[in-house]
mmCIF file of all heavy atoms, coordinates in Angstrom:
data_MODEL
# 
_entry.id   MODEL 
# 
loop_
_atom_site.group_PDB 
_atom_site.id 
_atom_site.type_symbol 
_atom_site.label_atom_id 
_atom_site.label_alt_id 
_atom_site.label_comp_id 
_atom_site.label_asym_id 
_atom_site.label_entity_id 
_atom_site.label_seq_id 
_atom_site.pdbx_PDB_ins_code 
_atom_site.Cartn_x 
_atom_site.Cartn_y 
_atom_site.Cartn_z 
_atom_site.occupancy 
_atom_site.B_iso_or_equiv 
_atom_site.pdbx_formal_charge 
_atom_site.auth_seq_id 
_atom_site.auth_comp_id 
_atom_site.auth_asym_id 
_atom_site.auth_atom_id 
_atom_site.pdbx_PDB_model_num 
ATOM 1   N N   . GLN A 1 1  ? 0.826  -1.208  0.000   1.00 0.00 ? 1  GLN A N   1 
ATOM 2   C CA  . GLN A 1 1  ? 0.000  0.000   0.000   1.00 0.00 ? 1  GLN A CA  1 
ATOM 3   C C   . GLN A 1 1  ? 0.860  1.258   0.000   1.00 0.00 ? 1  GLN A C   1 
ATOM 4   O O   . GLN A 1 1  ? 0.514  2.260   -0.631  1.00 0.00 ? 1  GLN A O   1 
ATOM 5   C CB  . GLN A 1 1  ? -0.916 -0.001  1.221   1.00 0.00 ? 1  GLN A CB  1 
ATOM 6   C CG  . GLN A 1 1  ? -1.993 -1.070  1.204   1.00 0.00 ? 1  GLN A CG  1 
ATOM 7   C CD  . GLN A 1 1  ? -2.695 -1.198  2.547   1.00 0.00 ? 1  GLN A CD  1 
ATOM 8   O OE1 . GLN A 1 1  ? -2.841 -0.230  3.280   1.00 0.00 ? 1  GLN A OE1 1 
ATOM 9   N NE2 . GLN A 1 1  ? -3.122 -2.413  2.879   1.00 0.00 ? 1  GLN A NE2 1 
ATOM 10  N N   . VAL A 1 2  ? 1.978  1.214   0.702   1.00 0.00 ? 2  VAL A N   1 
ATOM 11  C CA  . VAL A 1 2  ? 2.859  2.378   0.795   1.00 0.00 ? 2  VAL A CA  1 
ATOM 12  C C   . VAL A 1 2  ? 3.616  2.609   -0.507  1.00 0.00 ? 2  VAL A C   1 
ATOM 13  O O   . VAL A 1 2  ? 3.700  3.738   -1.007  1.00 0.00 ? 2  VAL A O   1 
ATOM 14  C CB  . VAL A 1 2  ? 3.837  2.215   1.976   1.00 0.00 ? 2  VAL A CB  1 
ATOM 15  C CG1 . VAL A 1 2  ? 4.927  3.288   1.934   1.00 0.00 ? 2  VAL A CG1 1 
ATOM 16  C CG2 . VAL A 1 2  ? 3.084  2.275   3.297   1.00 0.00 ? 2  VAL A CG2 1 
ATOM 17  N N   . LEU A 1 3  ? 4.185  1.543   -1.071  1.00 0.00 ? 3  LEU A N   1 
ATOM 18  C CA  . LEU A 1 3  ? 5.001  1.671   -2.271  1.00 0.00 ? 3  LEU A CA  1 
ATOM 19  C C   . LEU A 1 3  ? 4.175  1.741   -3.541  1.00 0.00 ? 3  LEU A C   1 
ATOM 20  O O   . LEU A 1 3  ? 4.615  2.325   -4.543  1.00 0.00 ? 3  LEU A O   1 
ATOM 21  C CB  . LEU A 1 3  ? 5.980  0.495   -2.380  1.00 0.00 ? 3  LEU A CB  1 
ATOM 22  C CG  . LEU A 1 3  ? 7.012  0.319   -1.265  1.00 0.00 ? 3  LEU A CG  1 
ATOM 23  C CD1 . LEU A 1 3  ? 7.919  -0.868  -1.580  1.00 0.00 ? 3  LEU A CD1 1 
ATOM 24  C CD2 . LEU A 1 3  ? 7.839  1.574   -1.080  1.00 0.00 ? 3  LEU A CD2 1 
ATOM 25  N N   . GLY A 1 4  ? 2.993  1.156   -3.520  1.00 0.00 ? 4  GLY A N   1 
ATOM 26  C CA  . GLY A 1 4  ? 2.229  0.981   -4.744  1.00 0.00 ? 4  GLY A CA  1 
ATOM 27  C C   . GLY A 1 4  ? 2.575  -0.359  -5.355  1.00 0.00 ? 4  GLY A C   1 
ATOM 28  O O   . GLY A 1 4  ? 3.714  -0.846  -5.227  1.00 0.00 ? 4  GLY A O   1 
ATOM 29  N N   . ALA A 1 5  ? 1.612  -0.986  -6.011  1.00 0.00 ? 5  ALA A N   1 
ATOM 30  C CA  . ALA A 1 5  ? 1.802  -2.355  -6.503  1.00 0.00 ? 5  ALA A CA  1 
ATOM 31  C C   . ALA A 1 5  ? 2.968  -2.471  -7.468  1.00 0.00 ? 5  ALA A C   1 
ATOM 32  O O   . ALA A 1 5  ? 3.764  -3.412  -7.399  1.00 0.00 ? 5  ALA A O   1 
ATOM 33  C CB  . ALA A 1 5  ? 0.509  -2.846  -7.167  1.00 0.00 ? 5  ALA A CB  1 
ATOM 34  N N   . SER A 1 6  ? 3.121  -1.494  -8.369  1.00 0.00 ? 6  SER A N   1 
ATOM 35  C CA  . SER A 1 6  ? 4.169  -1.577  -9.382  1.00 0.00 ? 6  SER A CA  1 
ATOM 36  C C   . SER A 1 6  ? 5.556  -1.487  -8.760  1.00 0.00 ? 6  SER A C   1 
ATOM 37  O O   . SER A 1 6  ? 6.439  -2.299  -9.057  1.00 0.00 ? 6  SER A O   1 
ATOM 38  C CB  . SER A 1 6  ? 3.974  -0.461  -10.411 1.00 0.00 ? 6  SER A CB  1 
ATOM 39  O OG  . SER A 1 6  ? 5.017  -0.488  -11.368 1.00 0.00 ? 6  SER A OG  1 
ATOM 40  N N   . GLN A 1 7  ? 5.756  -0.501  -7.884  1.00 0.00 ? 7  GLN A N   1 
ATOM 41  C CA  . GLN A 1 7  ? 7.067  -0.344  -7.254  1.00 0.00 ? 7  GLN A CA  1 
ATOM 42  C C   . GLN A 1 7  ? 7.374  -1.523  -6.339  1.00 0.00 ? 7  GLN A C   1 
ATOM 43  O O   . GLN A 1 7  ? 8.522  -1.978  -6.264  1.00 0.00 ? 7  GLN A O   1 
ATOM 44  C CB  . GLN A 1 7  ? 7.131  0.959   -6.456  1.00 0.00 ? 7  GLN A CB  1 
ATOM 45  C CG  . GLN A 1 7  ? 8.502  1.211   -5.825  1.00 0.00 ? 7  GLN A CG  1 
ATOM 46  C CD  . GLN A 1 7  ? 8.573  2.525   -5.067  1.00 0.00 ? 7  GLN A CD  1 
ATOM 47  O OE1 . GLN A 1 7  ? 7.741  3.406   -5.263  1.00 0.00 ? 7  GLN A OE1 1 
ATOM 48  N NE2 . GLN A 1 7  ? 9.567  2.657   -4.191  1.00 0.00 ? 7  GLN A NE2 1 
ATOM 49  N N   . TYR A 1 8  ? 6.353  -2.036  -5.666  1.00 0.00 ? 8  TYR A N   1 
ATOM 50  C CA  . TYR A 1 8  ? 6.585  -3.184  -4.785  1.00 0.00 ? 8  TYR A CA  1 
ATOM 51  C C   . TYR A 1 8  ? 7.067  -4.385  -5.600  1.00 0.00 ? 8  TYR A C   1 
ATOM 52  O O   . TYR A 1 8  ? 8.034  -5.054  -5.217  1.00 0.00 ? 8  TYR A O   1 
ATOM 53  C CB  . TYR A 1 8  ? 5.321  -3.546  -4.014  1.00 0.00 ? 8  TYR A CB  1 
ATOM 54  C CG  . TYR A 1 8  ? 5.523  -4.749  -3.125  1.00 0.00 ? 8  TYR A CG  1 
ATOM 55  C CD1 . TYR A 1 8  ? 6.044  -4.611  -1.838  1.00 0.00 ? 8  TYR A CD1 1 
ATOM 56  C CD2 . TYR A 1 8  ? 5.262  -6.038  -3.587  1.00 0.00 ? 8  TYR A CD2 1 
ATOM 57  C CE1 . TYR A 1 8  ? 6.277  -5.719  -1.034  1.00 0.00 ? 8  TYR A CE1 1 
ATOM 58  C CE2 . TYR A 1 8  ? 5.491  -7.149  -2.783  1.00 0.00 ? 8  TYR A CE2 1 
ATOM 59  C CZ  . TYR A 1 8  ? 5.993  -6.980  -1.510  1.00 0.00 ? 8  TYR A CZ  1 
ATOM 60  O OH  . TYR A 1 8  ? 6.236  -8.084  -0.726  1.00 0.00 ? 8  TYR A OH  1 
ATOM 61  N N   . ARG A 1 9  ? 6.401  -4.663  -6.731  1.00 0.00 ? 9  ARG A N   1 
ATOM 62  C CA  . ARG A 1 9  ? 6.801  -5.800  -7.563  1.00 0.00 ? 9  ARG A CA  1 
ATOM 63  C C   . ARG A 1 9  ? 8.230  -5.631  -8.068  1.00 0.00 ? 9  ARG A C   1 
ATOM 64  O O   . ARG A 1 9  ? 9.022  -6.581  -8.072  1.00 0.00 ? 9  ARG A O   1 
ATOM 65  C CB  . ARG A 1 9  ? 5.840  -5.951  -8.748  1.00 0.00 ? 9  ARG A CB  1 
ATOM 66  C CG  . ARG A 1 9  ? 4.489  -6.535  -8.391  1.00 0.00 ? 9  ARG A CG  1 
ATOM 67  C CD  . ARG A 1 9  ? 3.752  -7.003  -9.639  1.00 0.00 ? 9  ARG A CD  1 
ATOM 68  N NE  . ARG A 1 9  ? 3.527  -5.899  -10.573 1.00 0.00 ? 9  ARG A NE  1 
ATOM 69  C CZ  . ARG A 1 9  ? 2.457  -5.108  -10.568 1.00 0.00 ? 9  ARG A CZ  1 
ATOM 70  N NH1 . ARG A 1 9  ? 1.498  -5.316  -9.657  1.00 0.00 ? 9  ARG A NH1 1 
ATOM 71  N NH2 . ARG A 1 9  ? 2.315  -4.141  -11.445 1.00 0.00 ? 9  ARG A NH2 1 
ATOM 72  N N   . ALA A 1 10 ? 8.577  -4.420  -8.481  1.00 0.00 ? 10 ALA A N   1 
ATOM 73  C CA  . ALA A 1 10 ? 9.927  -4.169  -8.991  1.00 0.00 ? 10 ALA A CA  1 
ATOM 74  C C   . ALA A 1 10 ? 10.971 -4.381  -7.898  1.00 0.00 ? 10 ALA A C   1 
ATOM 75  O O   . ALA A 1 10 ? 12.027 -4.986  -8.134  1.00 0.00 ? 10 ALA A O   1 
ATOM 76  C CB  . ALA A 1 10 ? 10.013 -2.748  -9.545  1.00 0.00 ? 10 ALA A CB  1 
ATOM 77  N N   . GLU A 1 11 ? 10.677 -3.901  -6.699  1.00 0.00 ? 11 GLU A N   1 
ATOM 78  C CA  . GLU A 1 11 ? 11.629 -4.039  -5.609  1.00 0.00 ? 11 GLU A CA  1 
ATOM 79  C C   . GLU A 1 11 ? 11.763 -5.487  -5.177  1.00 0.00 ? 11 GLU A C   1 
ATOM 80  O O   . GLU A 1 11 ? 12.862 -5.960  -4.865  1.00 0.00 ? 11 GLU A O   1 
ATOM 81  C CB  . GLU A 1 11 ? 11.184 -3.169  -4.431  1.00 0.00 ? 11 GLU A CB  1 
ATOM 82  C CG  . GLU A 1 11 ? 12.270 -2.962  -3.393  1.00 0.00 ? 11 GLU A CG  1 
ATOM 83  C CD  . GLU A 1 11 ? 11.965 -1.838  -2.425  1.00 0.00 ? 11 GLU A CD  1 
ATOM 84  O OE1 . GLU A 1 11 ? 11.760 -0.701  -2.886  1.00 0.00 ? 11 GLU A OE1 1 
ATOM 85  O OE2 . GLU A 1 11 ? 11.931 -2.102  -1.207  1.00 0.00 ? 11 GLU A OE2 1 
ATOM 86  N N   . ALA A 1 12 ? 10.656 -6.208  -5.162  1.00 0.00 ? 12 ALA A N   1 
ATOM 87  C CA  . ALA A 1 12 ? 10.682 -7.616  -4.752  1.00 0.00 ? 12 ALA A CA  1 
ATOM 88  C C   . ALA A 1 12 ? 11.394 -8.494  -5.773  1.00 0.00 ? 12 ALA A C   1 
ATOM 89  O O   . ALA A 1 12 ? 11.870 -9.582  -5.436  1.00 0.00 ? 12 ALA A O   1 
ATOM 90  C CB  . ALA A 1 12 ? 9.258  -8.124  -4.526  1.00 0.00 ? 12 ALA A CB  1 
ATOM 91  N N   . ALA A 1 13 ? 11.475 -8.028  -7.010  1.00 0.00 ? 13 ALA A N   1 
ATOM 92  C CA  . ALA A 1 13 ? 12.088 -8.834  -8.067  1.00 0.00 ? 13 ALA A CA  1 
ATOM 93  C C   . ALA A 1 13 ? 13.579 -8.558  -8.225  1.00 0.00 ? 13 ALA A C   1 
ATOM 94  O O   . ALA A 1 13 ? 14.270 -9.252  -8.966  1.00 0.00 ? 13 ALA A O   1 
ATOM 95  C CB  . ALA A 1 13 ? 11.388 -8.566  -9.396  1.00 0.00 ? 13 ALA A CB  1 
ATOM 96  N N   . SER A 1 14 ? 14.099 -7.549  -7.519  1.00 0.00 ? 14 SER A N   1 
ATOM 97  C CA  . SER A 1 14 ? 15.487 -7.138  -7.732  1.00 0.00 ? 14 SER A CA  1 
ATOM 98  C C   . SER A 1 14 ? 16.374 -7.476  -6.533  1.00 0.00 ? 14 SER A C   1 
ATOM 99  O O   . SER A 1 14 ? 15.945 -7.421  -5.389  1.00 0.00 ? 14 SER A O   1 
ATOM 100 C CB  . SER A 1 14 ? 15.541 -5.623  -7.969  1.00 0.00 ? 14 SER A CB  1 
ATOM 101 O OG  . SER A 1 14 ? 16.874 -5.169  -8.077  1.00 0.00 ? 14 SER A OG  1 
ATOM 102 N N   . THR A 1 15 ? 17.622 -7.830  -6.845  1.00 0.00 ? 15 THR A N   1 
ATOM 103 C CA  . THR A 1 15 ? 18.631 -8.001  -5.798  1.00 0.00 ? 15 THR A CA  1 
ATOM 104 C C   . THR A 1 15 ? 19.820 -7.077  -6.036  1.00 0.00 ? 15 THR A C   1 
ATOM 105 O O   . THR A 1 15 ? 20.868 -7.238  -5.417  1.00 0.00 ? 15 THR A O   1 
ATOM 106 C CB  . THR A 1 15 ? 19.132 -9.461  -5.734  1.00 0.00 ? 15 THR A CB  1 
ATOM 107 O OG1 . THR A 1 15 ? 19.674 -9.828  -7.007  1.00 0.00 ? 15 THR A OG1 1 
ATOM 108 C CG2 . THR A 1 15 ? 18.004 -10.414 -5.375  1.00 0.00 ? 15 THR A CG2 1 
ATOM 109 N N   . VAL A 1 16 ? 19.654 -6.117  -6.923  1.00 0.00 ? 16 VAL A N   1 
ATOM 110 C CA  . VAL A 1 16 ? 20.722 -5.160  -7.215  1.00 0.00 ? 16 VAL A CA  1 
ATOM 111 C C   . VAL A 1 16 ? 20.766 -4.107  -6.117  1.00 0.00 ? 16 VAL A C   1 
ATOM 112 O O   . VAL A 1 16 ? 19.726 -3.550  -5.734  1.00 0.00 ? 16 VAL A O   1 
ATOM 113 C CB  . VAL A 1 16 ? 20.491 -4.484  -8.582  1.00 0.00 ? 16 VAL A CB  1 
ATOM 114 C CG1 . VAL A 1 16 ? 21.558 -3.408  -8.834  1.00 0.00 ? 16 VAL A CG1 1 
ATOM 115 C CG2 . VAL A 1 16 ? 20.512 -5.518  -9.697  1.00 0.00 ? 16 VAL A CG2 1 
ATOM 116 N N   . ASN A 1 17 ? 21.950 -3.828  -5.603  1.00 0.00 ? 17 ASN A N   1 
ATOM 117 C CA  . ASN A 1 17 ? 22.098 -2.806  -4.580  1.00 0.00 ? 17 ASN A CA  1 
ATOM 118 C C   . ASN A 1 17 ? 21.780 -1.440  -5.193  1.00 0.00 ? 17 ASN A C   1 
ATOM 119 O O   . ASN A 1 17 ? 22.465 -1.007  -6.122  1.00 0.00 ? 17 ASN A O   1 
ATOM 120 C CB  . ASN A 1 17 ? 23.519 -2.809  -4.026  1.00 0.00 ? 17 ASN A CB  1 
ATOM 121 C CG  . ASN A 1 17 ? 23.675 -1.942  -2.788  1.00 0.00 ? 17 ASN A CG  1 
ATOM 122 O OD1 . ASN A 1 17 ? 22.899 -1.025  -2.551  1.00 0.00 ? 17 ASN A OD1 1 
ATOM 123 N ND2 . ASN A 1 17 ? 24.692 -2.241  -1.994  1.00 0.00 ? 17 ASN A ND2 1 
ATOM 124 N N   . PRO A 1 18 ? 20.733 -0.760  -4.705  1.00 0.00 ? 18 PRO A N   1 
ATOM 125 C CA  . PRO A 1 18 ? 20.381 0.545   -5.281  1.00 0.00 ? 18 PRO A CA  1 
ATOM 126 C C   . PRO A 1 18 ? 21.470 1.589   -5.086  1.00 0.00 ? 18 PRO A C   1 
ATOM 127 O O   . PRO A 1 18 ? 21.496 2.596   -5.804  1.00 0.00 ? 18 PRO A O   1 
ATOM 128 C CB  . PRO A 1 18 ? 19.111 0.942   -4.508  1.00 0.00 ? 18 PRO A CB  1 
ATOM 129 C CG  . PRO A 1 18 ? 18.600 -0.320  -3.904  1.00 0.00 ? 18 PRO A CG  1 
ATOM 130 C CD  . PRO A 1 18 ? 19.813 -1.153  -3.635  1.00 0.00 ? 18 PRO A CD  1 
ATOM 131 N N   . ALA A 1 19 ? 22.368 1.365   -4.138  1.00 0.00 ? 19 ALA A N   1 
ATOM 132 C CA  . ALA A 1 19 ? 23.440 2.328   -3.863  1.00 0.00 ? 19 ALA A CA  1 
ATOM 133 C C   . ALA A 1 19 ? 24.734 1.854   -4.516  1.00 0.00 ? 19 ALA A C   1 
ATOM 134 O O   . ALA A 1 19 ? 25.662 1.396   -3.853  1.00 0.00 ? 19 ALA A O   1 
ATOM 135 C CB  . ALA A 1 19 ? 23.625 2.501   -2.360  1.00 0.00 ? 19 ALA A CB  1 
ATOM 136 N N   . ALA A 1 20 ? 24.796 1.949   -5.824  1.00 0.00 ? 20 ALA A N   1 
ATOM 137 C CA  . ALA A 1 20 ? 25.973 1.485   -6.560  1.00 0.00 ? 20 ALA A CA  1 
ATOM 138 C C   . ALA A 1 20 ? 27.074 2.539   -6.527  1.00 0.00 ? 20 ALA A C   1 
ATOM 139 O O   . ALA A 1 20 ? 26.810 3.739   -6.425  1.00 0.00 ? 20 ALA A O   1 
ATOM 140 C CB  . ALA A 1 20 ? 25.596 1.177   -8.003  1.00 0.00 ? 20 ALA A CB  1 
ATOM 141 N N   . ILE A 1 21 ? 28.317 2.076   -6.624  1.00 0.00 ? 21 ILE A N   1 
ATOM 142 C CA  . ILE A 1 21 ? 29.459 2.985   -6.764  1.00 0.00 ? 21 ILE A CA  1 
ATOM 143 C C   . ILE A 1 21 ? 29.572 3.348   -8.235  1.00 0.00 ? 21 ILE A C   1 
ATOM 144 O O   . ILE A 1 21 ? 29.672 2.479   -9.099  1.00 0.00 ? 21 ILE A O   1 
ATOM 145 C CB  . ILE A 1 21 ? 30.754 2.323   -6.275  1.00 0.00 ? 21 ILE A CB  1 
ATOM 146 C CG1 . ILE A 1 21 ? 30.646 1.952   -4.801  1.00 0.00 ? 21 ILE A CG1 1 
ATOM 147 C CG2 . ILE A 1 21 ? 31.956 3.248   -6.496  1.00 0.00 ? 21 ILE A CG2 1 
ATOM 148 C CD1 . ILE A 1 21 ? 31.826 1.152   -4.277  1.00 0.00 ? 21 ILE A CD1 1 
ATOM 149 N N   . THR A 1 22 ? 29.538 4.632   -8.533  1.00 0.00 ? 22 THR A N   1 
ATOM 150 C CA  . THR A 1 22 ? 29.602 5.097   -9.915  1.00 0.00 ? 22 THR A CA  1 
ATOM 151 C C   . THR A 1 22 ? 30.631 6.221   -10.030 1.00 0.00 ? 22 THR A C   1 
ATOM 152 O O   . THR A 1 22 ? 31.195 6.671   -9.032  1.00 0.00 ? 22 THR A O   1 
ATOM 153 C CB  . THR A 1 22 ? 28.234 5.623   -10.380 1.00 0.00 ? 22 THR A CB  1 
ATOM 154 O OG1 . THR A 1 22 ? 27.830 6.694   -9.525  1.00 0.00 ? 22 THR A OG1 1 
ATOM 155 C CG2 . THR A 1 22 ? 27.171 4.526   -10.322 1.00 0.00 ? 22 THR A CG2 1 
ATOM 156 N N   . GLY A 1 23 ? 30.851 6.679   -11.265 1.00 0.00 ? 23 GLY A N   1 
ATOM 157 C CA  . GLY A 1 23 ? 31.762 7.785   -11.498 1.00 0.00 ? 23 GLY A CA  1 
ATOM 158 C C   . GLY A 1 23 ? 32.995 7.350   -12.271 1.00 0.00 ? 23 GLY A C   1 
ATOM 159 O O   . GLY A 1 23 ? 33.046 6.257   -12.831 1.00 0.00 ? 23 GLY A O   1 
ATOM 160 N N   . THR A 1 24 ? 33.993 8.210   -12.279 1.00 0.00 ? 24 THR A N   1 
ATOM 161 C CA  . THR A 1 24 ? 35.222 7.953   -13.024 1.00 0.00 ? 24 THR A CA  1 
ATOM 162 C C   . THR A 1 24 ? 36.396 7.806   -12.063 1.00 0.00 ? 24 THR A C   1 
ATOM 163 O O   . THR A 1 24 ? 36.599 8.622   -11.174 1.00 0.00 ? 24 THR A O   1 
ATOM 164 C CB  . THR A 1 24 ? 35.516 9.109   -13.996 1.00 0.00 ? 24 THR A CB  1 
ATOM 165 O OG1 . THR A 1 24 ? 34.434 9.221   -14.929 1.00 0.00 ? 24 THR A OG1 1 
ATOM 166 C CG2 . THR A 1 24 ? 36.807 8.855   -14.768 1.00 0.00 ? 24 THR A CG2 1 
ATOM 167 N N   . ASP A 1 25 ? 37.148 6.745   -12.272 1.00 0.00 ? 25 ASP A N   1 
ATOM 168 C CA  . ASP A 1 25 ? 38.368 6.493   -11.510 1.00 0.00 ? 25 ASP A CA  1 
ATOM 169 C C   . ASP A 1 25 ? 39.452 7.418   -12.071 1.00 0.00 ? 25 ASP A C   1 
ATOM 170 O O   . ASP A 1 25 ? 39.885 7.262   -13.226 1.00 0.00 ? 25 ASP A O   1 
ATOM 171 C CB  . ASP A 1 25 ? 38.755 5.019   -11.670 1.00 0.00 ? 25 ASP A CB  1 
ATOM 172 C CG  . ASP A 1 25 ? 39.989 4.619   -10.891 1.00 0.00 ? 25 ASP A CG  1 
ATOM 173 O OD1 . ASP A 1 25 ? 40.931 5.440   -10.819 1.00 0.00 ? 25 ASP A OD1 1 
ATOM 174 O OD2 . ASP A 1 25 ? 40.019 3.502   -10.378 1.00 0.00 ? 25 ASP A OD2 1 
ATOM 175 N N   . THR A 1 26 ? 39.904 8.382   -11.277 1.00 0.00 ? 26 THR A N   1 
ATOM 176 C CA  . THR A 1 26 ? 40.844 9.385   -11.779 1.00 0.00 ? 26 THR A CA  1 
ATOM 177 C C   . THR A 1 26 ? 42.271 8.860   -11.907 1.00 0.00 ? 26 THR A C   1 
ATOM 178 O O   . THR A 1 26 ? 43.078 9.430   -12.655 1.00 0.00 ? 26 THR A O   1 
ATOM 179 C CB  . THR A 1 26 ? 40.854 10.624  -10.866 1.00 0.00 ? 26 THR A CB  1 
ATOM 180 O OG1 . THR A 1 26 ? 41.179 10.229  -9.533  1.00 0.00 ? 26 THR A OG1 1 
ATOM 181 C CG2 . THR A 1 26 ? 39.491 11.302  -10.875 1.00 0.00 ? 26 THR A CG2 1 
ATOM 182 N N   . ALA A 1 27 ? 42.590 7.787   -11.216 1.00 0.00 ? 27 ALA A N   1 
ATOM 183 C CA  . ALA A 1 27 ? 43.939 7.224   -11.309 1.00 0.00 ? 27 ALA A CA  1 
ATOM 184 C C   . ALA A 1 27 ? 44.081 6.326   -12.539 1.00 0.00 ? 27 ALA A C   1 
ATOM 185 O O   . ALA A 1 27 ? 45.106 6.352   -13.224 1.00 0.00 ? 27 ALA A O   1 
ATOM 186 C CB  . ALA A 1 27 ? 44.291 6.442   -10.049 1.00 0.00 ? 27 ALA A CB  1 
# 
């Protein structure tokens, strides 16, 4: 009810860490 059916299904189907390390390695 809080997330909504669509967002809940997407979250329940994923195991990807939403907090990924991104950007450019300067070295």
